[in-house]
Amino acid sequence: MHNAGVSSQTIEAPLRTEESEQWESPVEDRPWVVIVWNDPVNLMTYVTFVFQKLFGYAKPKAEKLMWQVHAEGKAAVSTGTRERAEADVARLHAHGLWATMQQD
């Protein structure tokens, strides 16, 4: 049986070259950023306390980040590997803060 209008064609997958691998590797090297979002539940003093406790920030830095969360709705509180960001998000969640992560 012959299908009129349907041609037989071979499509080859693109070759992976060293150049394309070099282009992709910087994506993997980009750090992950942990973002804390403003919420209507936690007190500002508590958020400051959590930043000090979890990240070891001095009170002025913790307060600056807390005010950024309050005024802008979010603040980046840590950066690092994906595994580190996942751990930080989990710790923030355990303390009742809203947090996400994204690759920078």
PDB file of N, CA and C in Angstrom:
ATOM      1  N   MET A   1       0.847  -1.168   0.000  1.00  0.00           N
ATOM      2  CA  MET A   1       0.000   0.000   0.000  1.00  0.00           C
ATOM      3  C   MET A   1       0.892   1.230   0.000  1.00  0.00           C
ATOM      4  N   HIS A   2       0.541   2.226  -0.741  1.00  0.00           N
ATOM      5  CA  HIS A   2       1.328   3.435  -0.891  1.00  0.00           C
ATOM      6  C   HIS A   2       0.494   4.626  -0.428  1.00  0.00           C
ATOM      7  N   ASN A   3       1.056   5.440   0.451  1.00  0.00           N
ATOM      8  CA  ASN A   3       0.354   6.640   0.923  1.00  0.00           C
ATOM      9  C   ASN A   3       0.772   7.813   0.064  1.00  0.00           C
ATOM     10  N   ALA A   4      -0.141   8.338  -0.662  1.00  0.00           N
ATOM     11  CA  ALA A   4       0.161   9.480  -1.526  1.00  0.00           C
ATOM     12  C   ALA A   4       0.416  10.707  -0.673  1.00  0.00           C
ATOM     13  N   GLY A   5       1.448  11.445  -0.973  1.00  0.00           N
ATOM     14  CA  GLY A   5       1.753  12.690  -0.284  1.00  0.00           C
ATOM     15  C   GLY A   5       2.581  12.512   0.973  1.00  0.00           C
ATOM     16  N   VAL A   6       2.869  11.285   1.400  1.00  0.00           N
ATOM     17  CA  VAL A   6       3.679  11.050   2.589  1.00  0.00           C
ATOM     18  C   VAL A   6       5.042  10.561   2.120  1.00  0.00           C
ATOM     19  N   SER A   7       6.060  11.281   2.479  1.00  0.00           N
ATOM     20  CA  SER A   7       7.393  10.880   2.047  1.00  0.00           C
ATOM     21  C   SER A   7       8.141  10.235   3.203  1.00  0.00           C
ATOM     22  N   SER A   8       9.033   9.369   2.856  1.00  0.00           N
ATOM     23  CA  SER A   8       9.873   8.723   3.840  1.00  0.00           C
ATOM     24  C   SER A   8      11.130   9.562   4.007  1.00  0.00           C
ATOM     25  N   GLN A   9      11.393   9.957   5.248  1.00  0.00           N
ATOM     26  CA  GLN A   9      12.527  10.846   5.476  1.00  0.00           C
ATOM     27  C   GLN A   9      13.194  10.447   6.784  1.00  0.00           C
ATOM     28  N   THR A  10      14.507  10.465   6.797  1.00  0.00           N
ATOM     29  CA  THR A  10      15.261  10.178   8.001  1.00  0.00           C
ATOM     30  C   THR A  10      15.692  11.497   8.634  1.00  0.00           C
ATOM     31  N   ILE A  11      15.410  11.627   9.920  1.00  0.00           N
ATOM     32  CA  ILE A  11      15.809  12.836  10.643  1.00  0.00           C
ATOM     33  C   ILE A  11      16.867  12.438  11.643  1.00  0.00           C
ATOM     34  N   GLU A  12      18.003  13.098  11.556  1.00  0.00           N
ATOM     35  CA  GLU A  12      19.108  12.785  12.456  1.00  0.00           C
ATOM     36  C   GLU A  12      19.082  13.727  13.652  1.00  0.00           C
ATOM     37  N   ALA A  13      19.420  13.170  14.798  1.00  0.00           N
ATOM     38  CA  ALA A  13      19.503  13.985  16.015  1.00  0.00           C
ATOM     39  C   ALA A  13      20.718  14.904  15.915  1.00  0.00           C
ATOM     40  N   PRO A  14      20.637  16.095  16.495  1.00  0.00           N
ATOM     41  CA  PRO A  14      21.785  16.992  16.450  1.00  0.00           C
ATOM     42  C   PRO A  14      22.958  16.391  17.215  1.00  0.00           C
ATOM     43  N   LEU A  15      24.130  16.635  16.725  1.00  0.00           N
ATOM     44  CA  LEU A  15      25.333  16.140  17.372  1.00  0.00           C
ATOM     45  C   LEU A  15      25.696  17.043  18.537  1.00  0.00           C
ATOM     46  N   ARG A  16      26.153  16.454  19.603  1.00  0.00           N
ATOM     47  CA  ARG A  16      26.597  17.221  20.758  1.00  0.00           C
ATOM     48  C   ARG A  16      28.080  17.491  20.567  1.00  0.00           C
ATOM     49  N   THR A  17      28.450  18.732  20.544  1.00  0.00           N
ATOM     50  CA  THR A  17      29.845  19.094  20.357  1.00  0.00           C
ATOM     51  C   THR A  17      30.404  19.649  21.649  1.00  0.00           C
ATOM     52  N   GLU A  18      31.713  19.746  21.719  1.00  0.00           N
ATOM     53  CA  GLU A  18      32.337  20.342  22.902  1.00  0.00           C
ATOM     54  C   GLU A  18      31.871  21.772  23.087  1.00  0.00           C
ATOM     55  N   GLU A  19      31.644  22.478  22.002  1.00  0.00           N
ATOM     56  CA  GLU A  19      31.199  23.865  22.085  1.00  0.00           C
ATOM     57  C   GLU A  19      29.847  23.955  22.782  1.00  0.00           C
ATOM     58  N   SER A  20      28.909  23.064  22.441  1.00  0.00           N
ATOM     59  CA  SER A  20      27.596  23.121  23.079  1.00  0.00           C
ATOM     60  C   SER A  20      27.696  22.730  24.548  1.00  0.00           C
ATOM     61  N   GLU A  21      28.563  21.794  24.897  1.00  0.00           N
ATOM     62  CA  GLU A  21      28.741  21.413  26.289  1.00  0.00           C
ATOM     63  C   GLU A  21      29.329  22.569  27.090  1.00  0.00           C
ATOM     64  N   GLN A  22      30.249  23.305  26.516  1.00  0.00           N
ATOM     65  CA  GLN A  22      30.829  24.456  27.213  1.00  0.00           C
ATOM     66  C   GLN A  22      29.767  25.519  27.427  1.00  0.00           C
ATOM     67  N   TRP A  23      28.867  25.673  26.474  1.00  0.00           N
ATOM     68  CA  TRP A  23      27.826  26.677  26.597  1.00  0.00           C
ATOM     69  C   TRP A  23      26.853  26.313  27.712  1.00  0.00           C
ATOM     70  N   GLU A  24      26.595  25.016  27.914  1.00  0.00           N
ATOM     71  CA  GLU A  24      25.637  24.583  28.920  1.00  0.00           C
ATOM     72  C   GLU A  24      26.207  24.582  30.323  1.00  0.00           C
ATOM     73  N   SER A  25      27.487  24.397  30.500  1.00  0.00           N
ATOM     74  CA  SER A  25      28.048  24.260  31.835  1.00  0.00           C
ATOM     75  C   SER A  25      27.902  25.501  32.706  1.00  0.00           C
ATOM     76  N   PRO A  26      27.978  26.728  32.175  1.00  0.00           N
ATOM     77  CA  PRO A  26      27.786  27.869  33.073  1.00  0.00           C
ATOM     78  C   PRO A  26      26.404  27.887  33.720  1.00  0.00           C
ATOM     79  N   VAL A  27      25.391  27.331  33.058  1.00  0.00           N
ATOM     80  CA  VAL A  27      24.054  27.270  33.641  1.00  0.00           C
ATOM     81  C   VAL A  27      24.104  26.450  34.922  1.00  0.00           C
ATOM     82  N   GLU A  28      24.815  25.339  34.884  1.00  0.00           N
ATOM     83  CA  GLU A  28      24.923  24.478  36.051  1.00  0.00           C
ATOM     84  C   GLU A  28      25.719  25.142  37.165  1.00  0.00           C
ATOM     85  N   ASP A  29      26.635  26.027  36.816  1.00  0.00           N
ATOM     86  CA  ASP A  29      27.483  26.680  37.803  1.00  0.00           C
ATOM     87  C   ASP A  29      26.829  27.884  38.459  1.00  0.00           C
ATOM     88  N   ARG A  30      25.711  28.352  37.894  1.00  0.00           N
ATOM     89  CA  ARG A  30      25.056  29.519  38.480  1.00  0.00           C
ATOM     90  C   ARG A  30      24.529  29.166  39.868  1.00  0.00           C
ATOM     91  N   PRO A  31      24.692  30.060  40.839  1.00  0.00           N
ATOM     92  CA  PRO A  31      24.224  29.751  42.194  1.00  0.00           C
ATOM     93  C   PRO A  31      22.704  29.786  42.304  1.00  0.00           C
ATOM     94  N   TRP A  32      22.205  29.131  43.306  1.00  0.00           N
ATOM     95  CA  TRP A  32      20.786  29.153  43.641  1.00  0.00           C
ATOM     96  C   TRP A  32      20.558  30.209  44.707  1.00  0.00           C
ATOM     97  N   VAL A  33      19.443  30.895  44.624  1.00  0.00           N
ATOM     98  CA  VAL A  33      19.108  31.973  45.543  1.00  0.00           C
ATOM     99  C   VAL A  33      17.864  31.571  46.331  1.00  0.00           C
ATOM    100  N   VAL A  34      17.921  31.782  47.645  1.00  0.00           N
ATOM    101  CA  VAL A  34      16.772  31.518  48.508  1.00  0.00           C
ATOM    102  C   VAL A  34      16.073  32.846  48.768  1.00  0.00           C
ATOM    103  N   ILE A  35      14.776  32.870  48.492  1.00  0.00           N
ATOM    104  CA  ILE A  35      13.978  34.085  48.637  1.00  0.00           C
ATOM    105  C   ILE A  35      12.940  33.874  49.729  1.00  0.00           C
ATOM    106  N   VAL A  36      12.874  34.836  50.643  1.00  0.00           N
ATOM    107  CA  VAL A  36      11.831  34.842  51.663  1.00  0.00           C
ATOM    108  C   VAL A  36      10.792  35.868  51.244  1.00  0.00           C
ATOM    109  N   TRP A  37       9.526  35.461  51.323  1.00  0.00           N
ATOM    110  CA  TRP A  37       8.400  36.294  50.885  1.00  0.00           C
ATOM    111  C   TRP A  37       7.659  36.853  52.093  1.00  0.00           C
ATOM    112  N   ASN A  38       7.111  38.033  51.915  1.00  0.00           N
ATOM    113  CA  ASN A  38       6.323  38.662  52.966  1.00  0.00           C
ATOM    114  C   ASN A  38       5.068  37.827  53.229  1.00  0.00           C
ATOM    115  N   ASP A  39       4.657  37.791  54.476  1.00  0.00           N
ATOM    116  CA  ASP A  39       3.424  37.094  54.813  1.00  0.00           C
ATOM    117  C   ASP A  39       2.685  37.889  55.899  1.00  0.00           C
ATOM    118  N   PRO A  40       1.409  37.643  56.035  1.00  0.00           N
ATOM    119  CA  PRO A  40       0.625  38.393  57.014  1.00  0.00           C
ATOM    120  C   PRO A  40       0.649  37.795  58.417  1.00  0.00           C
ATOM    121  N   VAL A  41       1.479  36.787  58.634  1.00  0.00           N
ATOM    122  CA  VAL A  41       1.433  36.034  59.879  1.00  0.00           C
ATOM    123  C   VAL A  41       2.580  36.382  60.836  1.00  0.00           C
ATOM    124  N   ASN A  42       3.801  36.356  60.346  1.00  0.00           N
ATOM    125  CA  ASN A  42       4.963  36.468  61.225  1.00  0.00           C
ATOM    126  C   ASN A  42       5.294  37.910  61.579  1.00  0.00           C
ATOM    127  N   LEU A  43       5.643  38.105  62.839  1.00  0.00           N
ATOM    128  CA  LEU A  43       6.065  39.423  63.304  1.00  0.00           C
ATOM    129  C   LEU A  43       7.448  39.754  62.753  1.00  0.00           C
ATOM    130  N   MET A  44       7.705  41.027  62.567  1.00  0.00           N
ATOM    131  CA  MET A  44       9.005  41.459  62.038  1.00  0.00           C
ATOM    132  C   MET A  44      10.142  41.050  62.971  1.00  0.00           C
ATOM    133  N   THR A  45       9.911  41.114  64.275  1.00  0.00           N
ATOM    134  CA  THR A  45      10.959  40.713  65.223  1.00  0.00           C
ATOM    135  C   THR A  45      11.271  39.224  65.093  1.00  0.00           C
ATOM    136  N   TYR A  46      10.250  38.419  64.832  1.00  0.00           N
ATOM    137  CA  TYR A  46      10.456  36.985  64.667  1.00  0.00           C
ATOM    138  C   TYR A  46      11.251  36.695  63.397  1.00  0.00           C
ATOM    139  N   VAL A  47      10.916  37.370  62.306  1.00  0.00           N
ATOM    140  CA  VAL A  47      11.640  37.171  61.046  1.00  0.00           C
ATOM    141  C   VAL A  47      13.113  37.527  61.238  1.00  0.00           C
ATOM    142  N   THR A  48      13.388  38.632  61.913  1.00  0.00           N
ATOM    143  CA  THR A  48      14.767  39.031  62.218  1.00  0.00           C
ATOM    144  C   THR A  48      15.466  37.943  63.015  1.00  0.00           C
ATOM    145  N   PHE A  49      14.784  37.426  64.041  1.00  0.00           N
ATOM    146  CA  PHE A  49      15.338  36.360  64.879  1.00  0.00           C
ATOM    147  C   PHE A  49      15.682  35.125  64.041  1.00  0.00           C
ATOM    148  N   VAL A  50      14.772  34.729  63.152  1.00  0.00           N
ATOM    149  CA  VAL A  50      15.006  33.534  62.316  1.00  0.00           C
ATOM    150  C   VAL A  50      16.228  33.737  61.423  1.00  0.00           C
ATOM    151  N   PHE A  51      16.361  34.911  60.816  1.00  0.00           N
ATOM    152  CA  PHE A  51      17.523  35.181  59.963  1.00  0.00           C
ATOM    153  C   PHE A  51      18.817  35.091  60.770  1.00  0.00           C
ATOM    154  N   GLN A  52      18.798  35.587  61.990  1.00  0.00           N
ATOM    155  CA  GLN A  52      19.985  35.506  62.841  1.00  0.00           C
ATOM    156  C   GLN A  52      20.288  34.056  63.208  1.00  0.00           C
ATOM    157  N   LYS A  53      19.263  33.331  63.595  1.00  0.00           N
ATOM    158  CA  LYS A  53      19.441  31.951  64.042  1.00  0.00           C
ATOM    159  C   LYS A  53      19.898  31.028  62.921  1.00  0.00           C
ATOM    160  N   LEU A  54      19.220  31.094  61.769  1.00  0.00           N
ATOM    161  CA  LEU A  54      19.510  30.143  60.698  1.00  0.00           C
ATOM    162  C   LEU A  54      20.764  30.481  59.899  1.00  0.00           C
ATOM    163  N   PHE A  55      21.014  31.766  59.689  1.00  0.00           N
ATOM    164  CA  PHE A  55      22.120  32.161  58.824  1.00  0.00           C
ATOM    165  C   PHE A  55      23.285  32.804  59.568  1.00  0.00           C
ATOM    166  N   GLY A  56      23.121  33.025  60.858  1.00  0.00           N
ATOM    167  CA  GLY A  56      24.189  33.620  61.647  1.00  0.00           C
ATOM    168  C   GLY A  56      24.416  35.094  61.341  1.00  0.00           C
ATOM    169  N   TYR A  57      23.399  35.755  60.790  1.00  0.00           N
ATOM    170  CA  TYR A  57      23.546  37.169  60.456  1.00  0.00           C
ATOM    171  C   TYR A  57      23.556  38.015  61.721  1.00  0.00           C
ATOM    172  N   ALA A  58      24.377  39.066  61.710  1.00  0.00           N
ATOM    173  CA  ALA A  58      24.354  40.044  62.785  1.00  0.00           C
ATOM    174  C   ALA A  58      22.982  40.729  62.751  1.00  0.00           C
ATOM    175  N   LYS A  59      22.551  41.262  63.888  1.00  0.00           N
ATOM    176  CA  LYS A  59      21.225  41.868  63.973  1.00  0.00           C
ATOM    177  C   LYS A  59      20.995  42.953  62.919  1.00  0.00           C
ATOM    178  N   PRO A  60      21.964  43.856  62.644  1.00  0.00           N
ATOM    179  CA  PRO A  60      21.710  44.875  61.615  1.00  0.00           C
ATOM    180  C   PRO A  60      21.430  44.279  60.225  1.00  0.00           C
ATOM    181  N   LYS A  61      22.165  43.229  59.852  1.00  0.00           N
ATOM    182  CA  LYS A  61      21.930  42.608  58.542  1.00  0.00           C
ATOM    183  C   LYS A  61      20.587  41.886  58.527  1.00  0.00           C
ATOM    184  N   ALA A  62      20.266  41.186  59.597  1.00  0.00           N
ATOM    185  CA  ALA A  62      18.991  40.480  59.683  1.00  0.00           C
ATOM    186  C   ALA A  62      17.825  41.471  59.617  1.00  0.00           C
ATOM    187  N   GLU A  63      17.971  42.610  60.301  1.00  0.00           N
ATOM    188  CA  GLU A  63      16.917  43.628  60.265  1.00  0.00           C
ATOM    189  C   GLU A  63      16.783  44.246  58.874  1.00  0.00           C
ATOM    190  N   LYS A  64      17.911  44.463  58.205  1.00  0.00           N
ATOM    191  CA  LYS A  64      17.876  45.026  56.852  1.00  0.00           C
ATOM    192  C   LYS A  64      17.111  44.088  55.913  1.00  0.00           C
ATOM    193  N   LEU A  65      17.398  42.785  55.987  1.00  0.00           N
ATOM    194  CA  LEU A  65      16.696  41.805  55.154  1.00  0.00           C
ATOM    195  C   LEU A  65      15.214  41.744  55.515  1.00  0.00           C
ATOM    196  N   MET A  66      14.907  41.797  56.816  1.00  0.00           N
ATOM    197  CA  MET A  66      13.511  41.774  57.250  1.00  0.00           C
ATOM    198  C   MET A  66      12.764  42.977  56.685  1.00  0.00           C
ATOM    199  N   TRP A  67      13.383  44.165  56.735  1.00  0.00           N
ATOM    200  CA  TRP A  67      12.728  45.367  56.210  1.00  0.00           C
ATOM    201  C   TRP A  67      12.541  45.273  54.694  1.00  0.00           C
ATOM    202  N   GLN A  68      13.491  44.634  54.015  1.00  0.00           N
ATOM    203  CA  GLN A  68      13.346  44.436  52.571  1.00  0.00           C
ATOM    204  C   GLN A  68      12.149  43.531  52.278  1.00  0.00           C
ATOM    205  N   VAL A  69      12.021  42.463  53.041  1.00  0.00           N
ATOM    206  CA  VAL A  69      10.865  41.571  52.884  1.00  0.00           C
ATOM    207  C   VAL A  69       9.581  42.360  53.125  1.00  0.00           C
ATOM    208  N   HIS A  70       9.570  43.151  54.180  1.00  0.00           N
ATOM    209  CA  HIS A  70       8.373  43.906  54.545  1.00  0.00           C
ATOM    210  C   HIS A  70       8.012  44.958  53.496  1.00  0.00           C
ATOM    211  N   ALA A  71       9.007  45.704  53.020  1.00  0.00           N
ATOM    212  CA  ALA A  71       8.756  46.822  52.110  1.00  0.00           C
ATOM    213  C   ALA A  71       8.594  46.393  50.654  1.00  0.00           C
ATOM    214  N   GLU A  72       9.418  45.431  50.213  1.00  0.00           N
ATOM    215  CA  GLU A  72       9.423  45.038  48.802  1.00  0.00           C
ATOM    216  C   GLU A  72       8.669  43.729  48.538  1.00  0.00           C
ATOM    217  N   GLY A  73       8.311  43.048  49.610  1.00  0.00           N
ATOM    218  CA  GLY A  73       7.570  41.801  49.461  1.00  0.00           C
ATOM    219  C   GLY A  73       8.434  40.558  49.414  1.00  0.00           C
ATOM    220  N   LYS A  74       9.739  40.757  49.292  1.00  0.00           N
ATOM    221  CA  LYS A  74      10.647  39.604  49.244  1.00  0.00           C
ATOM    222  C   LYS A  74      12.078  40.076  49.438  1.00  0.00           C
ATOM    223  N   ALA A  75      12.943  39.114  49.790  1.00  0.00           N
ATOM    224  CA  ALA A  75      14.379  39.393  49.892  1.00  0.00           C
ATOM    225  C   ALA A  75      15.146  38.095  49.680  1.00  0.00           C
ATOM    226  N   ALA A  76      16.288  38.200  49.018  1.00  0.00           N
ATOM    227  CA  ALA A  76      17.191  37.060  48.862  1.00  0.00           C
ATOM    228  C   ALA A  76      18.011  36.957  50.145  1.00  0.00           C
ATOM    229  N   VAL A  77      17.929  35.818  50.801  1.00  0.00           N
ATOM    230  CA  VAL A  77      18.585  35.676  52.098  1.00  0.00           C
ATOM    231  C   VAL A  77      19.806  34.771  52.080  1.00  0.00           C
ATOM    232  N   SER A  78      19.948  33.949  51.037  1.00  0.00           N
ATOM    233  CA  SER A  78      21.155  33.128  50.930  1.00  0.00           C
ATOM    234  C   SER A  78      21.342  32.670  49.489  1.00  0.00           C
ATOM    235  N   THR A  79      22.558  32.278  49.169  1.00  0.00           N
ATOM    236  CA  THR A  79      22.886  31.734  47.852  1.00  0.00           C
ATOM    237  C   THR A  79      23.819  30.556  48.035  1.00  0.00           C
ATOM    238  N   GLY A  80      23.848  29.700  47.024  1.00  0.00           N
ATOM    239  CA  GLY A  80      24.762  28.562  47.081  1.00  0.00           C
ATOM    240  C   GLY A  80      24.349  27.478  46.116  1.00  0.00           C
ATOM    241  N   THR A  81      24.764  26.272  46.436  1.00  0.00           N
ATOM    242  CA  THR A  81      24.437  25.119  45.607  1.00  0.00           C
ATOM    243  C   THR A  81      22.946  24.815  45.724  1.00  0.00           C
ATOM    244  N   ARG A  82      22.468  24.014  44.804  1.00  0.00           N
ATOM    245  CA  ARG A  82      21.051  23.622  44.853  1.00  0.00           C
ATOM    246  C   ARG A  82      20.736  22.899  46.155  1.00  0.00           C
ATOM    247  N   GLU A  83      21.612  22.020  46.574  1.00  0.00           N
ATOM    248  CA  GLU A  83      21.395  21.255  47.798  1.00  0.00           C
ATOM    249  C   GLU A  83      21.320  22.174  49.009  1.00  0.00           C
ATOM    250  N   ARG A  84      22.212  23.167  49.062  1.00  0.00           N
ATOM    251  CA  ARG A  84      22.226  24.123  50.175  1.00  0.00           C
ATOM    252  C   ARG A  84      20.943  24.961  50.163  1.00  0.00           C
ATOM    253  N   ALA A  85      20.521  25.398  48.983  1.00  0.00           N
ATOM    254  CA  ALA A  85      19.293  26.188  48.873  1.00  0.00           C
ATOM    255  C   ALA A  85      18.081  25.373  49.313  1.00  0.00           C
ATOM    256  N   GLU A  86      18.026  24.113  48.898  1.00  0.00           N
ATOM    257  CA  GLU A  86      16.916  23.251  49.309  1.00  0.00           C
ATOM    258  C   GLU A  86      16.876  23.116  50.825  1.00  0.00           C
ATOM    259  N   ALA A  87      18.038  22.946  51.438  1.00  0.00           N
ATOM    260  CA  ALA A  87      18.113  22.822  52.899  1.00  0.00           C
ATOM    261  C   ALA A  87      17.677  24.118  53.575  1.00  0.00           C
ATOM    262  N   ASP A  88      18.121  25.256  53.046  1.00  0.00           N
ATOM    263  CA  ASP A  88      17.733  26.544  53.628  1.00  0.00           C
ATOM    264  C   ASP A  88      16.229  26.768  53.522  1.00  0.00           C
ATOM    265  N   VAL A  89      15.636  26.446  52.372  1.00  0.00           N
ATOM    266  CA  VAL A  89      14.191  26.599  52.200  1.00  0.00           C
ATOM    267  C   VAL A  89      13.457  25.715  53.209  1.00  0.00           C
ATOM    268  N   ALA A  90      13.916  24.494  53.380  1.00  0.00           N
ATOM    269  CA  ALA A  90      13.277  23.579  54.334  1.00  0.00           C
ATOM    270  C   ALA A  90      13.375  24.125  55.761  1.00  0.00           C
ATOM    271  N   ARG A  91      14.520  24.667  56.120  1.00  0.00           N
ATOM    272  CA  ARG A  91      14.683  25.226  57.473  1.00  0.00           C
ATOM    273  C   ARG A  91      13.795  26.451  57.674  1.00  0.00           C
ATOM    274  N   LEU A  92      13.691  27.297  56.643  1.00  0.00           N
ATOM    275  CA  LEU A  92      12.807  28.460  56.743  1.00  0.00           C
ATOM    276  C   LEU A  92      11.348  28.032  56.878  1.00  0.00           C
ATOM    277  N   HIS A  93      10.948  27.026  56.107  1.00  0.00           N
ATOM    278  CA  HIS A  93       9.590  26.505  56.212  1.00  0.00           C
ATOM    279  C   HIS A  93       9.331  25.944  57.613  1.00  0.00           C
ATOM    280  N   ALA A  94      10.320  25.259  58.163  1.00  0.00           N
ATOM    281  CA  ALA A  94      10.181  24.688  59.504  1.00  0.00           C
ATOM    282  C   ALA A  94       9.976  25.780  60.559  1.00  0.00           C
ATOM    283  N   HIS A  95      10.449  26.980  60.267  1.00  0.00           N
ATOM    284  CA  HIS A  95      10.267  28.118  61.174  1.00  0.00           C
ATOM    285  C   HIS A  95       9.060  28.969  60.784  1.00  0.00           C
ATOM    286  N   GLY A  96       8.255  28.491  59.842  1.00  0.00           N
ATOM    287  CA  GLY A  96       7.014  29.156  59.500  1.00  0.00           C
ATOM    288  C   GLY A  96       7.126  30.301  58.505  1.00  0.00           C
ATOM    289  N   LEU A  97       8.277  30.451  57.847  1.00  0.00           N
ATOM    290  CA  LEU A  97       8.430  31.518  56.858  1.00  0.00           C
ATOM    291  C   LEU A  97       8.158  30.984  55.466  1.00  0.00           C
ATOM    292  N   TRP A  98       7.676  31.829  54.602  1.00  0.00           N
ATOM    293  CA  TRP A  98       7.425  31.479  53.202  1.00  0.00           C
ATOM    294  C   TRP A  98       8.712  31.696  52.427  1.00  0.00           C
ATOM    295  N   ALA A  99       9.231  30.641  51.812  1.00  0.00           N
ATOM    296  CA  ALA A  99      10.491  30.741  51.086  1.00  0.00           C
ATOM    297  C   ALA A  99      10.454  29.881  49.836  1.00  0.00           C
ATOM    298  N   THR A 100      11.167  30.363  48.809  1.00  0.00           N
ATOM    299  CA  THR A 100      11.338  29.618  47.566  1.00  0.00           C
ATOM    300  C   THR A 100      12.793  29.732  47.159  1.00  0.00           C
ATOM    301  N   MET A 101      13.130  29.024  46.089  1.00  0.00           N
ATOM    302  CA  MET A 101      14.490  29.112  45.561  1.00  0.00           C
ATOM    303  C   MET A 101      14.422  29.190  44.052  1.00  0.00           C
ATOM    304  N   GLN A 102      15.432  29.846  43.486  1.00  0.00           N
ATOM    305  CA  GLN A 102      15.533  29.928  42.035  1.00  0.00           C
ATOM    306  C   GLN A 102      17.007  30.039  41.669  1.00  0.00           C
ATOM    307  N   GLN A 103      17.305  29.637  40.442  1.00  0.00           N
ATOM    308  CA  GLN A 103      18.687  29.732  39.990  1.00  0.00           C
ATOM    309  C   GLN A 103      18.941  31.147  39.510  1.00  0.00           C
ATOM    310  N   ASP A 104      20.034  31.712  39.980  1.00  0.00           N
ATOM    311  CA  ASP A 104      20.373  33.105  39.661  1.00  0.00           C
ATOM    312  C   ASP A 104      20.811  33.258  38.221  1.00  0.00           C
TER     313      ASP A 104
END
